[in-house]
PDB file of N, CA and C in Angstrom:
ATOM      1  N   MET A   1      47.893 121.672 -30.956  1.00  0.00           N
ATOM      2  CA  MET A   1      46.600 121.043 -30.751  1.00  0.00           C
ATOM      3  C   MET A   1      46.563 120.421 -29.357  1.00  0.00           C
ATOM      4  N   ARG A   2      45.436 120.557 -28.703  1.00  0.00           N
ATOM      5  CA  ARG A   2      45.245 119.907 -27.400  1.00  0.00           C
ATOM      6  C   ARG A   2      44.336 118.700 -27.585  1.00  0.00           C
ATOM      7  N   TYR A   3      44.676 117.606 -26.917  1.00  0.00           N
ATOM      8  CA  TYR A   3      43.896 116.381 -27.005  1.00  0.00           C
ATOM      9  C   TYR A   3      43.511 115.896 -25.621  1.00  0.00           C
ATOM     10  N   GLU A   4      42.409 115.173 -25.580  1.00  0.00           N
ATOM     11  CA  GLU A   4      41.940 114.491 -24.378  1.00  0.00           C
ATOM     12  C   GLU A   4      41.823 113.014 -24.741  1.00  0.00           C
ATOM     13  N   ILE A   5      42.437 112.168 -23.940  1.00  0.00           N
ATOM     14  CA  ILE A   5      42.444 110.729 -24.208  1.00  0.00           C
ATOM     15  C   ILE A   5      41.950 110.014 -22.956  1.00  0.00           C
ATOM     16  N   ARG A   6      40.903 109.205 -23.124  1.00  0.00           N
ATOM     17  CA  ARG A   6      40.355 108.421 -22.009  1.00  0.00           C
ATOM     18  C   ARG A   6      40.826 106.978 -22.123  1.00  0.00           C
ATOM     19  N   VAL A   7      41.331 106.464 -21.013  1.00  0.00           N
ATOM     20  CA  VAL A   7      41.844 105.104 -20.964  1.00  0.00           C
ATOM     21  C   VAL A   7      41.009 104.312 -19.963  1.00  0.00           C
ATOM     22  N   GLU A   8      40.703 103.079 -20.317  1.00  0.00           N
ATOM     23  CA  GLU A   8      39.921 102.208 -19.445  1.00  0.00           C
ATOM     24  C   GLU A   8      40.701 101.925 -18.169  1.00  0.00           C
ATOM     25  N   GLY A   9      40.036 102.067 -17.029  1.00  0.00           N
ATOM     26  CA  GLY A   9      40.645 101.760 -15.738  1.00  0.00           C
ATOM     27  C   GLY A   9      41.489 102.895 -15.181  1.00  0.00           C
ATOM     28  N   GLN A  10      42.028 102.640 -14.011  1.00  0.00           N
ATOM     29  CA  GLN A  10      42.855 103.619 -13.321  1.00  0.00           C
ATOM     30  C   GLN A  10      44.324 103.273 -13.553  1.00  0.00           C
ATOM     31  N   MET A  11      45.028 104.137 -14.240  1.00  0.00           N
ATOM     32  CA  MET A  11      46.445 103.913 -14.502  1.00  0.00           C
ATOM     33  C   MET A  11      47.252 104.191 -13.240  1.00  0.00           C
ATOM     34  N   SER A  12      48.292 103.393 -13.024  1.00  0.00           N
ATOM     35  CA  SER A  12      49.176 103.620 -11.880  1.00  0.00           C
ATOM     36  C   SER A  12      50.021 104.867 -12.118  1.00  0.00           C
ATOM     37  N   ARG A  13      50.628 105.336 -11.073  1.00  0.00           N
ATOM     38  CA  ARG A  13      51.507 106.509 -11.182  1.00  0.00           C
ATOM     39  C   ARG A  13      52.662 106.216 -12.149  1.00  0.00           C
ATOM     40  N   THR A  14      53.199 104.997 -12.077  1.00  0.00           N
ATOM     41  CA  THR A  14      54.285 104.604 -12.981  1.00  0.00           C
ATOM     42  C   THR A  14      53.840 104.663 -14.429  1.00  0.00           C
ATOM     43  N   MET A  15      52.623 104.196 -14.697  1.00  0.00           N
ATOM     44  CA  MET A  15      52.090 104.220 -16.063  1.00  0.00           C
ATOM     45  C   MET A  15      51.898 105.660 -16.548  1.00  0.00           C
ATOM     46  N   THR A  16      51.322 106.517 -15.709  1.00  0.00           N
ATOM     47  CA  THR A  16      51.099 107.902 -16.146  1.00  0.00           C
ATOM     48  C   THR A  16      52.432 108.622 -16.375  1.00  0.00           C
ATOM     49  N   GLN A  17      53.477 108.214 -15.666  1.00  0.00           N
ATOM     50  CA  GLN A  17      54.796 108.825 -15.873  1.00  0.00           C
ATOM     51  C   GLN A  17      55.390 108.430 -17.226  1.00  0.00           C
ATOM     52  N   SER A  18      54.806 107.435 -17.881  1.00  0.00           N
ATOM     53  CA  SER A  18      55.227 107.057 -19.232  1.00  0.00           C
ATOM     54  C   SER A  18      54.766 108.080 -20.259  1.00  0.00           C
ATOM     55  N   PHE A  19      53.928 109.015 -19.823  1.00  0.00           N
ATOM     56  CA  PHE A  19      53.394 110.068 -20.689  1.00  0.00           C
ATOM     57  C   PHE A  19      53.682 111.431 -20.055  1.00  0.00           C
ATOM     58  N   PRO A  20      54.964 111.823 -19.969  1.00  0.00           N
ATOM     59  CA  PRO A  20      55.323 113.057 -19.255  1.00  0.00           C
ATOM     60  C   PRO A  20      54.759 114.328 -19.890  1.00  0.00           C
ATOM     61  N   GLU A  21      54.399 114.258 -21.161  1.00  0.00           N
ATOM     62  CA  GLU A  21      53.872 115.434 -21.840  1.00  0.00           C
ATOM     63  C   GLU A  21      52.388 115.651 -21.585  1.00  0.00           C
ATOM     64  N   LEU A  22      51.746 114.696 -20.880  1.00  0.00           N
ATOM     65  CA  LEU A  22      50.310 114.785 -20.623  1.00  0.00           C
ATOM     66  C   LEU A  22      50.025 114.863 -19.132  1.00  0.00           C
ATOM     67  N   GLU A  23      48.998 115.612 -18.779  1.00  0.00           N
ATOM     68  CA  GLU A  23      48.500 115.640 -17.405  1.00  0.00           C
ATOM     69  C   GLU A  23      47.461 114.535 -17.293  1.00  0.00           C
ATOM     70  N   SER A  24      47.161 114.104 -16.079  1.00  0.00           N
ATOM     71  CA  SER A  24      46.184 113.027 -15.927  1.00  0.00           C
ATOM     72  C   SER A  24      45.352 113.203 -14.664  1.00  0.00           C
ATOM     73  N   CYS A  25      44.163 112.600 -14.700  1.00  0.00           N
ATOM     74  CA  CYS A  25      43.297 112.509 -13.532  1.00  0.00           C
ATOM     75  C   CYS A  25      42.394 111.297 -13.742  1.00  0.00           C
ATOM     76  N   VAL A  26      41.766 110.839 -12.676  1.00  0.00           N
ATOM     77  CA  VAL A  26      40.867 109.690 -12.748  1.00  0.00           C
ATOM     78  C   VAL A  26      39.443 110.174 -12.554  1.00  0.00           C
ATOM     79  N   ILE A  27      38.569 109.779 -13.487  1.00  0.00           N
ATOM     80  CA  ILE A  27      37.160 110.152 -13.434  1.00  0.00           C
ATOM     81  C   ILE A  27      36.324 108.913 -13.738  1.00  0.00           C
ATOM     82  N   SER A  28      35.432 108.565 -12.829  1.00  0.00           N
ATOM     83  CA  SER A  28      34.496 107.452 -13.035  1.00  0.00           C
ATOM     84  C   SER A  28      35.189 106.175 -13.486  1.00  0.00           C
ATOM     85  N   GLY A  29      36.293 105.830 -12.842  1.00  0.00           N
ATOM     86  CA  GLY A  29      36.972 104.581 -13.146  1.00  0.00           C
ATOM     87  C   GLY A  29      37.775 104.583 -14.439  1.00  0.00           C
ATOM     88  N   GLN A  30      37.921 105.741 -15.056  1.00  0.00           N
ATOM     89  CA  GLN A  30      38.738 105.867 -16.259  1.00  0.00           C
ATOM     90  C   GLN A  30      39.830 106.901 -15.994  1.00  0.00           C
ATOM     91  N   THR A  31      40.952 106.726 -16.663  1.00  0.00           N
ATOM     92  CA  THR A  31      42.025 107.711 -16.559  1.00  0.00           C
ATOM     93  C   THR A  31      41.901 108.665 -17.730  1.00  0.00           C
ATOM     94  N   LEU A  32      41.904 109.932 -17.439  1.00  0.00           N
ATOM     95  CA  LEU A  32      41.811 110.983 -18.449  1.00  0.00           C
ATOM     96  C   LEU A  32      43.177 111.641 -18.560  1.00  0.00           C
ATOM     97  N   LEU A  33      43.755 111.587 -19.759  1.00  0.00           N
ATOM     98  CA  LEU A  33      45.026 112.241 -20.032  1.00  0.00           C
ATOM     99  C   LEU A  33      44.761 113.372 -21.009  1.00  0.00           C
ATOM    100  N   PHE A  34      45.430 114.489 -20.807  1.00  0.00           N
ATOM    101  CA  PHE A  34      45.183 115.627 -21.684  1.00  0.00           C
ATOM    102  C   PHE A  34      46.425 116.496 -21.768  1.00  0.00           C
ATOM    103  N   GLY A  35      46.564 117.158 -22.909  1.00  0.00           N
ATOM    104  CA  GLY A  35      47.695 118.039 -23.093  1.00  0.00           C
ATOM    105  C   GLY A  35      47.945 118.356 -24.548  1.00  0.00           C
ATOM    106  N   HIS A  36      49.050 119.034 -24.784  1.00  0.00           N
ATOM    107  CA  HIS A  36      49.417 119.499 -26.119  1.00  0.00           C
ATOM    108  C   HIS A  36      50.066 118.363 -26.913  1.00  0.00           C
ATOM    109  N   VAL A  37      49.590 118.169 -28.144  1.00  0.00           N
ATOM    110  CA  VAL A  37      50.174 117.209 -29.075  1.00  0.00           C
ATOM    111  C   VAL A  37      50.701 118.025 -30.249  1.00  0.00           C
ATOM    112  N   THR A  38      51.976 117.901 -30.523  1.00  0.00           N
ATOM    113  CA  THR A  38      52.619 118.792 -31.488  1.00  0.00           C
ATOM    114  C   THR A  38      52.195 118.558 -32.930  1.00  0.00           C
ATOM    115  N   ASP A  39      52.046 117.305 -33.321  1.00  0.00           N
ATOM    116  CA  ASP A  39      51.685 117.002 -34.704  1.00  0.00           C
ATOM    117  C   ASP A  39      51.150 115.572 -34.802  1.00  0.00           C
ATOM    118  N   GLU A  40      50.837 115.149 -36.018  1.00  0.00           N
ATOM    119  CA  GLU A  40      50.252 113.826 -36.238  1.00  0.00           C
ATOM    120  C   GLU A  40      51.219 112.709 -35.829  1.00  0.00           C
ATOM    121  N   ALA A  41      52.503 112.888 -36.089  1.00  0.00           N
ATOM    122  CA  ALA A  41      53.495 111.879 -35.706  1.00  0.00           C
ATOM    123  C   ALA A  41      53.525 111.705 -34.183  1.00  0.00           C
ATOM    124  N   HIS A  42      53.429 112.799 -33.455  1.00  0.00           N
ATOM    125  CA  HIS A  42      53.393 112.743 -31.990  1.00  0.00           C
ATOM    126  C   HIS A  42      52.152 111.980 -31.522  1.00  0.00           C
ATOM    127  N   LEU A  43      51.013 112.262 -32.154  1.00  0.00           N
ATOM    128  CA  LEU A  43      49.763 111.589 -31.801  1.00  0.00           C
ATOM    129  C   LEU A  43      49.875 110.083 -32.019  1.00  0.00           C
ATOM    130  N   TYR A  44      50.388 109.683 -33.175  1.00  0.00           N
ATOM    131  CA  TYR A  44      50.539 108.248 -33.450  1.00  0.00           C
ATOM    132  C   TYR A  44      51.557 107.605 -32.509  1.00  0.00           C
ATOM    133  N   GLY A  45      52.567 108.362 -32.123  1.00  0.00           N
ATOM    134  CA  GLY A  45      53.527 107.858 -31.146  1.00  0.00           C
ATOM    135  C   GLY A  45      52.888 107.609 -29.793  1.00  0.00           C
ATOM    136  N   LEU A  46      52.001 108.524 -29.378  1.00  0.00           N
ATOM    137  CA  LEU A  46      51.273 108.330 -28.121  1.00  0.00           C
ATOM    138  C   LEU A  46      50.407 107.070 -28.190  1.00  0.00           C
ATOM    139  N   LEU A  47      49.692 106.916 -29.297  1.00  0.00           N
ATOM    140  CA  LEU A  47      48.833 105.740 -29.453  1.00  0.00           C
ATOM    141  C   LEU A  47      49.644 104.447 -29.436  1.00  0.00           C
ATOM    142  N   ALA A  48      50.803 104.464 -30.059  1.00  0.00           N
ATOM    143  CA  ALA A  48      51.676 103.286 -30.042  1.00  0.00           C
ATOM    144  C   ALA A  48      52.147 102.981 -28.619  1.00  0.00           C
ATOM    145  N   ARG A  49      52.431 104.036 -27.843  1.00  0.00           N
ATOM    146  CA  ARG A  49      52.849 103.859 -26.453  1.00  0.00           C
ATOM    147  C   ARG A  49      51.726 103.241 -25.622  1.00  0.00           C
ATOM    148  N   PHE A  50      50.476 103.719 -25.830  1.00  0.00           N
ATOM    149  CA  PHE A  50      49.331 103.116 -25.128  1.00  0.00           C
ATOM    150  C   PHE A  50      49.237 101.635 -25.459  1.00  0.00           C
ATOM    151  N   GLN A  51      49.355 101.321 -26.741  1.00  0.00           N
ATOM    152  CA  GLN A  51      49.239  99.929 -27.181  1.00  0.00           C
ATOM    153  C   GLN A  51      50.357  99.065 -26.598  1.00  0.00           C
ATOM    154  N   SER A  52      51.583  99.570 -26.609  1.00  0.00           N
ATOM    155  CA  SER A  52      52.707  98.776 -26.107  1.00  0.00           C
ATOM    156  C   SER A  52      52.600  98.509 -24.604  1.00  0.00           C
ATOM    157  N   LEU A  53      51.887  99.388 -23.888  1.00  0.00           N
ATOM    158  CA  LEU A  53      51.681  99.195 -22.449  1.00  0.00           C
ATOM    159  C   LEU A  53      50.420  98.392 -22.146  1.00  0.00           C
ATOM    160  N   GLY A  54      49.713  97.976 -23.200  1.00  0.00           N
ATOM    161  CA  GLY A  54      48.508  97.163 -23.016  1.00  0.00           C
ATOM    162  C   GLY A  54      47.317  97.949 -22.512  1.00  0.00           C
ATOM    163  N   LEU A  55      47.293  99.256 -22.773  1.00  0.00           N
ATOM    164  CA  LEU A  55      46.197 100.102 -22.307  1.00  0.00           C
ATOM    165  C   LEU A  55      45.129 100.217 -23.389  1.00  0.00           C
ATOM    166  N   HIS A  56      43.875 100.242 -22.964  1.00  0.00           N
ATOM    167  CA  HIS A  56      42.751 100.334 -23.892  1.00  0.00           C
ATOM    168  C   HIS A  56      42.235 101.769 -23.940  1.00  0.00           C
ATOM    169  N   VAL A  57      42.420 102.432 -25.087  1.00  0.00           N
ATOM    170  CA  VAL A  57      41.928 103.793 -25.274  1.00  0.00           C
ATOM    171  C   VAL A  57      40.430 103.729 -25.571  1.00  0.00           C
ATOM    172  N   VAL A  58      39.639 104.348 -24.710  1.00  0.00           N
ATOM    173  CA  VAL A  58      38.181 104.343 -24.843  1.00  0.00           C
ATOM    174  C   VAL A  58      37.715 105.461 -25.768  1.00  0.00           C
ATOM    175  N   GLU A  59      38.359 106.630 -25.638  1.00  0.00           N
ATOM    176  CA  GLU A  59      37.957 107.791 -26.412  1.00  0.00           C
ATOM    177  C   GLU A  59      39.143 108.725 -26.575  1.00  0.00           C
ATOM    178  N   MET A  60      39.202 109.374 -27.721  1.00  0.00           N
ATOM    179  CA  MET A  60      40.214 110.369 -27.981  1.00  0.00           C
ATOM    180  C   MET A  60      39.567 111.496 -28.757  1.00  0.00           C
ATOM    181  N   ARG A  61      39.838 112.739 -28.335  1.00  0.00           N
ATOM    182  CA  ARG A  61      39.256 113.858 -29.080  1.00  0.00           C
ATOM    183  C   ARG A  61      40.161 115.076 -29.004  1.00  0.00           C
ATOM    184  N   ARG A  62      40.082 115.849 -30.081  1.00  0.00           N
ATOM    185  CA  ARG A  62      40.836 117.091 -30.141  1.00  0.00           C
ATOM    186  C   ARG A  62      39.979 118.173 -29.488  1.00  0.00           C
ATOM    187  N   LEU A  63      40.601 118.971 -28.638  1.00  0.00           N
ATOM    188  CA  LEU A  63      39.886 120.015 -27.925  1.00  0.00           C
ATOM    189  C   LEU A  63      40.035 121.355 -28.650  1.00  0.00           C
ATOM    190  N   ALA A  64      39.024 122.165 -28.548  1.00  0.00           N
ATOM    191  CA  ALA A  64      39.081 123.514 -29.126  1.00  0.00           C
ATOM    192  C   ALA A  64      40.057 124.354 -28.305  1.00  0.00           C
ATOM    193  N   LEU A  65      40.731 125.242 -28.972  1.00  0.00           N
ATOM    194  CA  LEU A  65      41.697 126.120 -28.265  1.00  0.00           C
ATOM    195  C   LEU A  65      40.936 127.130 -27.551  1.00  0.00           C
TER     196      LEU A  65
END
């Protein structure tokens, strides 16, 4: 499954490196991360990582293949 996750603000390079499995870019003052998520446990792990870094997830959606 491919996911797109929008985070409030512009994440630093160090922060984006905390998510090596995802690509990232900045659009309209938000950081967009996207990539392959293997399963539900991986998804919840990503969300926990965002939370532990104090990042605010604005939107998350599964992309069509």
